[in-house]
Protein backbone atom coordinates (compact mmCIF):
# COMPACT_ATOMS: atom_id res chain seq x y z
CA UNK A 1 -122.85 54.72 -87.69
CA UNK A 2 -124.54 57.98 -88.60
CA UNK A 3 -122.83 60.64 -86.49
CA UNK A 4 -125.93 62.83 -86.81
CA UNK A 5 -127.64 60.56 -84.29
CA UNK A 6 -128.29 61.99 -80.83
CA UNK A 7 -125.44 62.10 -78.33
CA UNK A 8 -127.28 59.58 -76.16
CA UNK A 9 -127.28 57.12 -79.05
CA UNK A 10 -123.68 57.86 -80.03
CA UNK A 11 -122.31 57.18 -76.55
CA UNK A 12 -124.54 54.16 -75.88
CA UNK A 13 -123.27 52.44 -79.01
CA UNK A 14 -119.74 53.90 -78.91
CA UNK A 15 -120.32 55.19 -82.45
CA UNK A 16 -121.61 51.76 -83.44
CA UNK A 17 -118.23 50.13 -84.03
CA UNK A 18 -118.03 46.36 -84.24
CA UNK A 19 -115.04 44.05 -84.58
CA UNK A 20 -114.63 43.42 -88.29
CA UNK A 21 -113.05 40.01 -87.88
CA UNK A 22 -115.51 38.46 -85.41
CA UNK A 23 -118.54 40.80 -85.67
CA UNK A 24 -118.39 41.21 -81.88
CA UNK A 25 -120.37 44.23 -80.64
CA UNK A 26 -117.73 44.85 -77.95
CA UNK A 27 -114.35 45.70 -79.41
CA UNK A 28 -111.33 43.56 -78.49
CA UNK A 29 -108.40 44.58 -76.31
CA UNK A 30 -105.11 44.59 -78.18
CA UNK A 31 -102.31 43.73 -75.77
CA UNK A 32 -99.54 43.55 -78.38
CA UNK A 33 -96.68 46.00 -77.96
CA UNK A 34 -95.36 45.78 -81.52
CA UNK A 35 -96.71 45.24 -85.04
CA UNK A 36 -95.54 43.46 -88.16
CA UNK A 37 -93.96 45.49 -90.94
CA UNK A 38 -94.79 44.86 -94.58
CA UNK A 39 -92.39 43.27 -97.02
CA UNK A 40 -91.78 46.73 -98.44
CA UNK A 41 -90.66 47.86 -94.93
CA UNK A 42 -93.85 49.90 -94.41
CA UNK A 43 -96.45 49.61 -91.64
CA UNK A 44 -99.62 48.69 -93.56
CA UNK A 45 -101.78 48.72 -90.39
CA UNK A 46 -100.57 52.17 -89.37
CA UNK A 47 -99.43 50.71 -86.06
CA UNK A 48 -95.76 50.70 -85.09
CA UNK A 49 -95.36 50.43 -81.32
CA UNK A 50 -97.95 50.53 -78.55
CA UNK A 51 -96.43 53.45 -76.74
CA UNK A 52 -98.28 55.58 -79.28
CA UNK A 53 -100.21 53.39 -81.70
CA UNK A 54 -102.27 50.82 -79.83
CA UNK A 55 -105.58 50.21 -81.65
CA UNK A 56 -107.43 49.96 -78.32
CA UNK A 57 -107.03 53.71 -77.80
CA UNK A 58 -108.72 54.68 -81.02
CA UNK A 59 -112.44 53.94 -80.35
CA UNK A 60 -112.47 56.02 -77.15
CA UNK A 61 -110.49 58.78 -78.85
CA UNK A 62 -112.87 58.86 -81.79
CA UNK A 63 -115.94 58.95 -79.55
CA UNK A 64 -114.54 61.78 -77.43
CA UNK A 65 -113.48 63.78 -80.48
CA UNK A 66 -116.99 63.37 -81.92
CA UNK A 67 -118.65 64.54 -78.69
CA UNK A 68 -116.35 67.56 -78.42
CA UNK A 69 -116.73 68.35 -82.13
CA UNK A 70 -112.96 68.35 -82.40
CA UNK A 71 -110.45 67.15 -84.96
CA UNK A 72 -108.42 64.63 -82.99
CA UNK A 73 -108.28 63.19 -79.48
CA UNK A 74 -105.39 61.63 -77.59
CA UNK A 75 -105.67 59.36 -74.56
CA UNK A 76 -103.17 59.70 -71.72
CA UNK A 77 -102.28 57.69 -68.65
CA UNK A 78 -103.99 60.22 -66.34
CA UNK A 79 -105.62 63.61 -66.33
CA UNK A 80 -102.42 65.11 -64.92
CA UNK A 81 -100.40 63.50 -67.72
CA UNK A 82 -102.75 65.03 -70.29
CA UNK A 83 -102.65 68.50 -68.72
CA UNK A 84 -98.91 68.51 -68.11
CA UNK A 85 -98.28 67.45 -71.71
CA UNK A 86 -99.81 70.74 -72.88
CA UNK A 87 -97.36 72.72 -70.75
CA UNK A 88 -94.42 70.47 -71.67
CA UNK A 89 -95.10 71.29 -75.31
CA UNK A 90 -94.31 74.93 -74.52
CA UNK A 91 -90.78 76.33 -74.54
CA UNK A 92 -88.69 77.81 -71.71
CA UNK A 93 -89.59 81.45 -71.24
CA UNK A 94 -93.15 81.08 -72.46
CA UNK A 95 -95.72 83.00 -70.41
CA UNK A 96 -98.90 81.23 -69.33
CA UNK A 97 -102.01 82.47 -67.55
CA UNK A 98 -103.77 80.13 -65.14
CA UNK A 99 -106.88 80.51 -62.94
CA UNK A 100 -106.62 81.37 -59.27
CA UNK A 101 -109.17 78.61 -58.64
CA UNK A 102 -108.26 75.37 -60.37
CA UNK A 103 -107.35 71.74 -59.78
CA UNK A 104 -104.82 71.93 -56.96
CA UNK A 105 -102.39 69.24 -58.17
CA UNK A 106 -101.94 70.94 -61.55
CA UNK A 107 -101.58 74.35 -59.90
CA UNK A 108 -98.84 72.93 -57.66
CA UNK A 109 -97.06 71.40 -60.65
CA UNK A 110 -97.14 74.69 -62.54
CA UNK A 111 -95.88 76.74 -59.60
CA UNK A 112 -93.03 74.31 -58.91
CA UNK A 113 -91.89 72.05 -61.72
CA UNK A 114 -93.42 74.24 -64.41
CA UNK A 115 -91.54 77.31 -63.21
CA UNK A 116 -88.41 75.23 -62.67
CA UNK A 117 -88.67 74.26 -66.35
CA UNK A 118 -88.65 77.90 -67.40
CA UNK A 119 -92.34 78.76 -67.70
CA UNK A 120 -93.55 82.16 -66.56
CA UNK A 121 -96.74 81.34 -64.67
CA UNK A 122 -99.22 84.10 -63.82
CA UNK A 123 -102.44 83.54 -61.85
CA UNK A 124 -105.51 85.58 -62.71
CA UNK A 125 -109.17 85.62 -61.72
CA UNK A 126 -110.68 84.01 -64.81
CA UNK A 127 -114.19 85.06 -63.77
CA UNK A 128 -113.13 88.70 -64.34
CA UNK A 129 -112.93 89.16 -68.10
CA UNK A 130 -111.44 92.64 -67.73
CA UNK A 131 -108.65 91.28 -65.55
CA UNK A 132 -107.94 88.57 -68.13
CA UNK A 133 -107.83 91.16 -70.93
CA UNK A 134 -105.37 93.29 -68.95
CA UNK A 135 -103.04 90.34 -68.32
CA UNK A 136 -103.14 89.31 -71.95
CA UNK A 137 -102.11 92.83 -72.96
CA UNK A 138 -99.48 93.13 -70.23
CA UNK A 139 -96.98 90.84 -72.00
CA UNK A 140 -96.87 88.29 -74.83
CA UNK A 141 -98.64 85.16 -73.58
CA UNK A 142 -98.27 81.79 -75.23
CA UNK A 143 -101.08 79.89 -73.45
CA UNK A 144 -104.14 80.64 -71.35
CA UNK A 145 -105.48 77.75 -69.26
CA UNK A 146 -109.11 77.76 -68.16
CA UNK A 147 -110.97 75.44 -65.83
CA UNK A 148 -114.73 75.89 -65.74
CA UNK A 149 -116.51 75.16 -63.51
CA UNK A 150 -113.42 75.65 -61.34
CA UNK A 151 -112.72 73.06 -58.66
CA UNK A 152 -113.68 73.33 -55.77
CA UNK A 153 -115.54 76.68 -55.69
CA UNK A 154 -117.24 75.98 -59.05
CA UNK A 155 -116.45 79.42 -60.40
CA UNK A 156 -117.57 79.90 -64.00
CA UNK A 157 -115.47 81.53 -66.73
CA UNK A 158 -116.85 82.86 -70.00
CA UNK A 159 -115.12 80.59 -72.51
CA UNK A 160 -116.31 82.43 -75.62
CA UNK A 161 -115.36 85.89 -74.35
CA UNK A 162 -111.95 84.82 -73.06
CA UNK A 163 -111.22 82.83 -76.23
CA UNK A 164 -111.93 85.93 -78.31
CA UNK A 165 -109.56 87.99 -76.15
CA UNK A 166 -106.87 85.32 -76.39
CA UNK A 167 -107.08 85.13 -80.15
CA UNK A 168 -106.64 88.90 -80.41
CA UNK A 169 -103.26 88.42 -78.74
CA UNK A 170 -102.32 85.22 -80.66
CA UNK A 171 -102.59 83.25 -77.41
CA UNK A 172 -103.55 79.60 -77.36
CA UNK A 173 -106.41 78.65 -75.05
CA UNK A 174 -106.89 75.28 -73.39
CA UNK A 175 -109.87 74.38 -71.21
CA UNK A 176 -110.12 71.78 -68.47
CA UNK A 177 -113.74 70.70 -68.97
CA UNK A 178 -113.58 67.62 -66.75
CA UNK A 179 -116.53 68.57 -64.56
CA UNK A 180 -118.68 69.95 -67.35
CA UNK A 181 -118.13 66.85 -69.52
CA UNK A 182 -118.54 67.05 -73.31
CA UNK A 183 -122.30 66.62 -72.86
CA UNK A 184 -122.80 69.93 -71.02
CA UNK A 185 -120.14 72.23 -72.51
CA UNK A 186 -118.17 72.09 -75.75
CA UNK A 187 -115.25 74.51 -75.35
CA UNK A 188 -113.91 73.95 -78.88
CA UNK A 189 -117.14 75.32 -80.36
CA UNK A 190 -116.72 78.40 -78.14
CA UNK A 191 -113.26 79.23 -79.46
CA UNK A 192 -110.85 77.07 -77.43
CA UNK A 193 -107.91 75.38 -79.14
CA UNK A 194 -107.65 72.37 -76.82
CA UNK A 195 -109.96 70.74 -74.30
CA UNK A 196 -108.69 68.51 -71.51
CA UNK A 197 -110.47 65.82 -69.51
CA UNK A 198 -109.44 63.81 -66.53
CA UNK A 199 -111.09 60.73 -67.98
CA UNK A 200 -110.80 59.10 -64.56
CA UNK A 201 -113.80 61.16 -63.55
CA UNK A 202 -117.07 61.41 -65.51
CA UNK A 203 -115.91 59.86 -68.77
CA UNK A 204 -115.13 56.55 -67.09
CA UNK A 205 -117.46 57.13 -64.16
CA UNK A 206 -116.81 53.98 -62.14
CA UNK A 207 -113.73 54.86 -60.06
CA UNK A 208 -111.74 52.02 -61.56
CA UNK A 209 -109.64 53.62 -64.33
CA UNK A 210 -106.96 56.31 -64.29
CA UNK A 211 -106.84 58.10 -67.65
CA UNK A 212 -106.80 61.50 -69.30
CA UNK A 213 -107.51 62.98 -72.70
CA UNK A 214 -106.89 65.98 -74.92
CA UNK A 215 -108.91 67.04 -77.97
CA UNK A 216 -107.80 69.68 -80.48
CA UNK A 217 -110.02 72.00 -82.47
CA UNK A 218 -110.77 71.34 -86.12
CA UNK A 219 -108.07 72.74 -88.38
CA UNK A 220 -105.36 72.54 -85.70
CA UNK A 221 -104.47 68.84 -85.87
CA UNK A 222 -101.40 69.60 -88.01
CA UNK A 223 -100.41 72.75 -86.13
CA UNK A 224 -96.91 72.95 -84.71
CA UNK A 225 -98.18 73.05 -81.15
CA UNK A 226 -100.49 70.03 -81.43
CA UNK A 227 -97.70 68.03 -83.10
CA UNK A 228 -95.47 68.91 -80.14
CA UNK A 229 -98.19 67.66 -77.76
CA UNK A 230 -98.30 64.41 -79.73
CA UNK A 231 -94.52 64.19 -79.50
CA UNK A 232 -94.62 64.66 -75.73
CA UNK A 233 -97.05 61.75 -75.43
CA UNK A 234 -95.23 59.51 -77.87
CA UNK A 235 -91.72 60.05 -76.53
CA UNK A 236 -92.73 60.32 -72.89
CA UNK A 237 -94.95 57.25 -73.01
CA UNK A 238 -97.79 58.81 -71.01
CA UNK A 239 -100.41 56.43 -72.39
CA UNK A 240 -103.00 54.21 -70.70
CA UNK A 241 -102.80 50.44 -70.74
CA UNK A 242 -104.92 48.71 -73.40
CA UNK A 243 -107.14 47.34 -70.62
CA UNK A 244 -107.71 50.83 -69.19
CA UNK A 245 -108.52 52.19 -72.65
CA UNK A 246 -111.10 49.45 -73.13
CA UNK A 247 -112.57 50.03 -69.67
CA UNK A 248 -112.79 53.74 -70.42
CA UNK A 249 -114.81 53.09 -73.57
CA UNK A 250 -117.12 50.82 -71.61
CA UNK A 251 -117.65 53.57 -69.04
CA UNK A 252 -118.30 56.18 -71.69
CA UNK A 253 -121.20 54.14 -73.05
CA UNK A 254 -123.28 55.09 -69.99
CA UNK A 255 -122.04 58.70 -69.87
CA UNK A 256 -125.33 60.27 -70.92
CA UNK A 257 -127.38 58.46 -68.28
CA UNK A 258 -124.86 59.01 -65.50
CA UNK A 259 -124.34 62.72 -66.17
CA UNK A 260 -128.07 63.33 -66.40
CA UNK A 261 -128.70 61.65 -63.05
CA UNK A 262 -125.76 63.36 -61.35
CA UNK A 263 -126.93 66.76 -62.60
CA UNK A 264 -130.46 66.13 -61.35
CA UNK A 265 -129.18 65.00 -57.95
CA UNK A 266 -126.81 67.95 -57.60
CA UNK A 267 -129.54 70.43 -58.49
CA UNK A 268 -131.93 68.96 -55.94
CA UNK A 269 -129.25 68.88 -53.23
CA UNK A 270 -128.12 72.44 -53.92
CA UNK A 271 -131.67 73.76 -53.81
CA UNK A 272 -132.51 72.00 -50.54
CA UNK A 273 -129.19 72.64 -48.80
CA UNK A 274 -129.36 76.35 -49.60
CA UNK A 275 -132.37 76.51 -47.26
CA UNK A 276 -130.76 74.49 -44.46
CA UNK A 277 -130.13 76.49 -41.26
CA UNK A 278 -126.66 74.97 -40.74
CA UNK A 279 -125.47 75.88 -44.23
CA UNK A 280 -123.60 79.14 -44.71
CA UNK A 281 -123.39 78.93 -48.50
CA UNK A 282 -123.98 76.51 -51.36
CA UNK A 283 -121.68 76.82 -54.36
CA UNK A 284 -123.35 75.41 -57.47
CA UNK A 285 -123.58 77.04 -60.93
CA UNK A 286 -127.19 75.93 -61.30
CA UNK A 287 -128.38 78.16 -58.47
CA UNK A 288 -129.53 81.70 -59.35
CA UNK A 289 -127.56 82.86 -56.29
CA UNK A 290 -124.29 81.65 -57.82
CA UNK A 291 -122.15 84.49 -59.20
CA UNK A 292 -121.53 82.60 -62.45
CA UNK A 293 -125.09 81.41 -63.01
CA UNK A 294 -125.84 83.67 -66.00
CA UNK A 295 -122.71 82.57 -67.88
CA UNK A 296 -123.30 78.95 -66.93
CA UNK A 297 -126.76 79.17 -68.52
CA UNK A 298 -125.15 80.39 -71.75
CA UNK A 299 -122.45 77.74 -72.08
CA UNK A 300 -123.79 74.72 -70.18
CA UNK A 301 -126.64 72.81 -71.82
CA UNK A 302 -128.51 69.88 -70.31
CA UNK A 303 -127.51 70.57 -66.71
CA UNK A 304 -125.00 72.31 -64.49
CA UNK A 305 -122.88 69.34 -63.50
CA UNK A 306 -122.78 66.92 -60.62
CA UNK A 307 -120.33 68.89 -58.45
CA UNK A 308 -121.24 71.28 -55.66
CA UNK A 309 -119.71 72.54 -52.45
CA UNK A 310 -121.28 73.55 -49.16
CA UNK A 311 -119.91 75.82 -46.46
CA UNK A 312 -121.10 75.05 -42.95
CA UNK A 313 -121.74 77.40 -40.04
CA UNK A 314 -120.00 77.10 -36.72
CA UNK A 315 -121.81 77.09 -33.38
CA UNK A 316 -121.01 77.54 -29.70
CA UNK A 317 -119.19 74.20 -29.65
CA UNK A 318 -117.34 73.98 -32.94
CA UNK A 319 -116.00 76.14 -35.73
CA UNK A 320 -117.34 75.78 -39.26
CA UNK A 321 -114.19 73.86 -40.17
CA UNK A 322 -114.67 71.40 -37.31
CA UNK A 323 -118.32 70.85 -38.17
CA UNK A 324 -117.41 70.27 -41.82
CA UNK A 325 -114.85 67.61 -40.88
CA UNK A 326 -117.23 66.04 -38.36
CA UNK A 327 -120.04 66.00 -40.94
CA UNK A 328 -117.91 64.09 -43.42
CA UNK A 329 -117.05 61.60 -40.70
CA UNK A 330 -120.71 60.93 -39.88
CA UNK A 331 -122.12 60.26 -43.34
CA UNK A 332 -123.21 56.71 -44.11
CA UNK A 333 -124.03 56.80 -47.83
CA UNK A 334 -121.59 59.48 -48.95
CA UNK A 335 -118.08 58.04 -49.16
CA UNK A 336 -115.17 59.98 -47.65
CA UNK A 337 -112.79 59.84 -50.59
CA UNK A 338 -111.07 62.08 -53.08
CA UNK A 339 -111.82 62.19 -56.81
CA UNK A 340 -115.21 62.81 -58.39
CA UNK A 341 -117.56 61.85 -61.20
CA UNK A 342 -118.21 58.26 -60.18
CA UNK A 343 -121.53 56.51 -59.76
CA UNK A 344 -121.07 56.66 -55.98
CA UNK A 345 -121.39 59.97 -54.14
CA UNK A 346 -118.20 61.30 -52.55
CA UNK A 347 -117.63 63.87 -49.82
CA UNK A 348 -114.35 65.57 -49.01
CA UNK A 349 -113.01 68.29 -46.73
CA UNK A 350 -111.04 69.88 -49.52
CA UNK A 351 -108.92 72.44 -47.63
CA UNK A 352 -107.19 69.70 -45.64
CA UNK A 353 -106.28 68.00 -48.91
CA UNK A 354 -104.94 71.11 -50.64
CA UNK A 355 -103.04 72.46 -47.63
CA UNK A 356 -101.32 75.82 -47.24
CA UNK A 357 -102.17 78.44 -49.83
CA UNK A 358 -105.47 76.90 -50.88
CA UNK A 359 -108.25 79.31 -51.94
CA UNK A 360 -110.70 76.83 -50.45
CA UNK A 361 -112.43 78.01 -47.25
CA UNK A 362 -111.81 75.68 -44.27
CA UNK A 363 -115.55 75.25 -43.64
CA UNK A 364 -116.17 73.83 -47.13
CA UNK A 365 -117.15 70.30 -48.09
CA UNK A 366 -116.86 69.27 -51.73
CA UNK A 367 -119.64 66.97 -52.89
CA UNK A 368 -119.63 64.75 -55.96
CA UNK A 369 -123.26 63.73 -56.48
CA UNK A 370 -123.52 60.20 -57.80
CA UNK A 371 -126.51 58.37 -59.18
CA UNK A 372 -128.14 57.19 -55.95
CA UNK A 373 -131.63 58.38 -54.96
CA UNK A 374 -131.40 62.11 -54.30
CA UNK A 375 -133.54 61.97 -51.16
CA UNK A 376 -131.27 59.32 -49.66
CA UNK A 377 -128.27 61.56 -50.27
CA UNK A 378 -130.00 64.57 -48.75
CA UNK A 379 -131.20 62.64 -45.71
CA UNK A 380 -127.71 61.30 -45.10
CA UNK A 381 -126.15 64.75 -45.26
CA UNK A 382 -128.72 66.35 -43.00
CA UNK A 383 -128.40 63.65 -40.33
CA UNK A 384 -124.61 63.98 -40.50
CA UNK A 385 -124.77 67.77 -40.11
CA UNK A 386 -127.14 67.44 -37.16
CA UNK A 387 -124.89 64.91 -35.45
CA UNK A 388 -121.74 66.93 -36.18
CA UNK A 389 -123.13 70.04 -34.50
CA UNK A 390 -123.77 68.26 -31.18
CA UNK A 391 -121.15 68.51 -28.44
CA UNK A 392 -121.55 64.91 -27.23
């Protein structure tokens, strides 16, 4: 298929691949774990063992690499497996910079197991480019990890500016772009070396697959570091099942439509909720009031994502935290569940999930806008907030 076609066409047709043997327009699932060697002792198919070589991975990897304008993609068994593989490819004593606001599970891993493994982990406000520059100059740094927009406050970091600073110090830069998706932001074109996705979220989009992915920048696919990442995956076995890889590709075929609808819904909700008398603050990069709005406009194209957070006011009966928890309990359309990026809208009191040390305010609700009718979602939230504020 012509890769110059629009992204909507590319994802809808999964690059247009068909099964060569049967001419099926949906590619088969290969459940084999091992592959026949040639009489000359070679592997003519290129496949050796399914811990690293299953053909079912390749269509999704190729589609994601094309969307990110990268050189090579790798599927993993989860987003955490993908992210952790980057840090496991480092060496003991390596210094890494991470955001103060980022996915909590990865932050916990870095501050515990990562440090136990010998990494020097330093947190920095990635929205402050001057602070990032100072930390990069403070000591040799092997890797800088960005997450933008940053979960759950949706802080925005300037990928291009920080990538330029990192390269001046010979520091690798990896970007968690899960919530931006490859349709809204392309970190590799802005100077990043690696982009990571929790494919469980928007790429799959149906809350029925756990998967992750990494994509490397063009010209780096044979670099020492990327080959170490490949080795971590191959020898550690952090790969999805063939069925999950096939399901992921199926989900990706509706990515354009789902992301567009989620962005539209999130923008409408953010705009309306910002005017609601019970709302203290709406955190959404698409709002002019958001501190990262100007940068988001530069590096996000086609929308500002489907994720937003709202902080709720307290009253004479309840604190903001209590009203937030009560609001989540009284929604009827929004589902009280963790994760994000699915077709169904999810609501979560994030501070109670992250626990002690979280940067998340206790009065905050994280919202993953799905693809339902926006007015239905707004009506459900407003009735829940009204009910939550009442003493009886």
